[in-house]
Amino acid sequence: MREYTDEIRIRLRPGDRDKIREHMEEAGIENMSAFIRKMAIDGYVIRLDLSDVNEVSRLLRINTNNINQIAKKANETGNIYYSEIKRIQNGQDQIWMMMKAILQRLSTV
């Protein structure tokens, strides 16, 4: 069963479709129907650059992997090096600083 059953038809001037496509590209939306529906209902589209969130996620994966390796080593040998703990702490500090910057930017949206 299709979710969208009601339909509205509009007439466009020559070149309007091209302008709509340009705005869709700027918003990062490929589906024209979804774009027009969003604009008609909400009046705007917000596109966030989440590349820094992806970077934080990557750093978290690296740090989590390091923590797991240290935990495995500690369980096997019964000891770990202070330098390994310090390296993880530095990684966590770096991630936290990036997260604070992201949250600060998002609070202004």
Protein backbone atom coordinates (compact mmCIF):
# COMPACT_ATOMS: atom_id res chain seq x y z
CA MET A 1 0.00 0.00 0.00
CA ARG A 2 1.44 3.39 -0.98
CA GLU A 3 1.80 5.95 1.77
CA TYR A 4 1.32 8.95 -0.54
CA THR A 5 -2.07 8.82 -2.25
CA ASP A 6 -3.11 12.49 -2.43
CA GLU A 7 -1.60 14.51 -5.24
CA ILE A 8 -1.16 18.16 -6.21
CA ARG A 9 -0.25 19.26 -9.72
CA ILE A 10 1.63 22.48 -10.38
CA ARG A 11 2.59 24.34 -13.51
CA LEU A 12 6.14 25.60 -13.93
CA ARG A 13 7.60 28.29 -16.14
CA PRO A 14 10.46 27.35 -18.42
CA GLY A 15 13.60 27.09 -16.30
CA ASP A 16 11.77 26.55 -12.98
CA ARG A 17 12.50 22.82 -13.00
CA ASP A 18 16.22 23.57 -13.43
CA LYS A 19 16.11 25.98 -10.46
CA ILE A 20 14.36 23.34 -8.35
CA ARG A 21 17.04 20.79 -9.28
CA GLU A 22 19.78 23.26 -8.32
CA HIS A 23 18.18 23.78 -4.91
CA MET A 24 17.82 20.02 -4.52
CA GLU A 25 21.53 19.55 -5.21
CA GLU A 26 22.42 22.25 -2.68
CA ALA A 27 20.25 20.48 -0.10
CA GLY A 28 21.66 17.07 -1.00
CA ILE A 29 18.23 15.64 -1.88
CA GLU A 30 17.80 13.48 -4.98
CA ASN A 31 14.04 12.86 -4.87
CA MET A 32 12.17 15.85 -6.33
CA SER A 33 8.85 14.83 -4.81
CA ALA A 34 10.39 14.56 -1.34
CA PHE A 35 12.13 17.92 -1.78
CA ILE A 36 9.00 19.76 -2.92
CA ARG A 37 6.92 18.12 -0.17
CA LYS A 38 9.49 19.14 2.48
CA MET A 39 9.65 22.72 1.19
CA ALA A 40 5.85 23.04 0.96
CA ILE A 41 5.25 21.70 4.47
CA ASP A 42 8.23 23.05 6.41
CA GLY A 43 9.44 25.87 4.19
CA TYR A 44 13.12 24.97 4.54
CA VAL A 45 15.64 22.17 4.36
CA ILE A 46 18.59 22.03 6.72
CA ARG A 47 21.68 20.25 5.50
CA LEU A 48 24.35 19.61 8.09
CA ASP A 49 27.97 18.95 7.29
CA LEU A 50 28.67 15.92 9.46
CA SER A 51 32.22 15.25 8.31
CA ASP A 52 33.56 16.18 11.74
CA VAL A 53 31.09 13.76 13.36
CA ASN A 54 32.44 11.04 11.07
CA GLU A 55 35.97 11.93 12.19
CA VAL A 56 34.99 11.71 15.86
CA SER A 57 33.37 8.35 15.16
CA ARG A 58 36.57 7.15 13.48
CA LEU A 59 38.66 8.27 16.47
CA LEU A 60 36.27 6.55 18.86
CA ARG A 61 36.65 3.28 16.93
CA ILE A 62 40.44 3.58 17.07
CA ASN A 63 40.43 4.37 20.78
CA THR A 64 37.98 1.56 21.53
CA ASN A 65 40.20 -0.87 19.63
CA ASN A 66 43.21 0.32 21.66
CA ILE A 67 41.31 -0.11 24.93
CA ASN A 68 40.29 -3.64 23.93
CA GLN A 69 43.88 -4.54 23.06
CA ILE A 70 45.14 -3.22 26.39
CA ALA A 71 42.39 -5.07 28.28
CA LYS A 72 43.31 -8.28 26.48
CA LYS A 73 47.01 -7.78 27.27
CA ALA A 74 46.21 -6.98 30.91
CA ASN A 75 44.15 -10.15 31.20
CA GLU A 76 46.87 -12.27 29.61
CA THR A 77 49.94 -10.86 31.36
CA GLY A 78 48.52 -9.16 34.42
CA ASN A 79 50.21 -5.83 33.66
CA ILE A 80 50.07 -2.87 31.26
CA TYR A 81 52.35 0.05 30.52
CA TYR A 82 51.72 3.56 31.79
CA SER A 83 52.50 4.93 28.32
CA GLU A 84 49.61 2.92 26.83
CA ILE A 85 47.20 4.34 29.37
CA LYS A 86 48.50 7.86 28.71
CA ARG A 87 48.06 7.36 24.94
CA ILE A 88 44.42 6.38 25.44
CA GLN A 89 43.83 9.35 27.76
CA ASN A 90 45.25 11.69 25.13
CA GLY A 91 42.99 10.13 22.50
CA GLN A 92 39.96 10.57 24.76
CA ASP A 93 40.90 14.21 25.38
CA GLN A 94 41.17 14.82 21.63
CA ILE A 95 37.77 13.21 21.03
CA TRP A 96 36.18 15.23 23.84
CA MET A 97 37.54 18.53 22.45
CA MET A 98 36.16 17.70 19.01
CA MET A 99 32.77 16.76 20.48
CA LYS A 100 32.59 20.03 22.43
CA ALA A 101 33.30 21.98 19.23
CA ILE A 102 30.62 20.03 17.32
CA LEU A 103 28.05 20.54 20.07
CA GLN A 104 28.83 24.24 20.24
CA ARG A 105 28.33 24.63 16.48
CA LEU A 106 25.10 22.60 16.55
CA SER A 107 23.69 24.76 19.32
CA THR A 108 23.77 27.76 16.96
CA VAL A 109 21.70 26.02 14.22
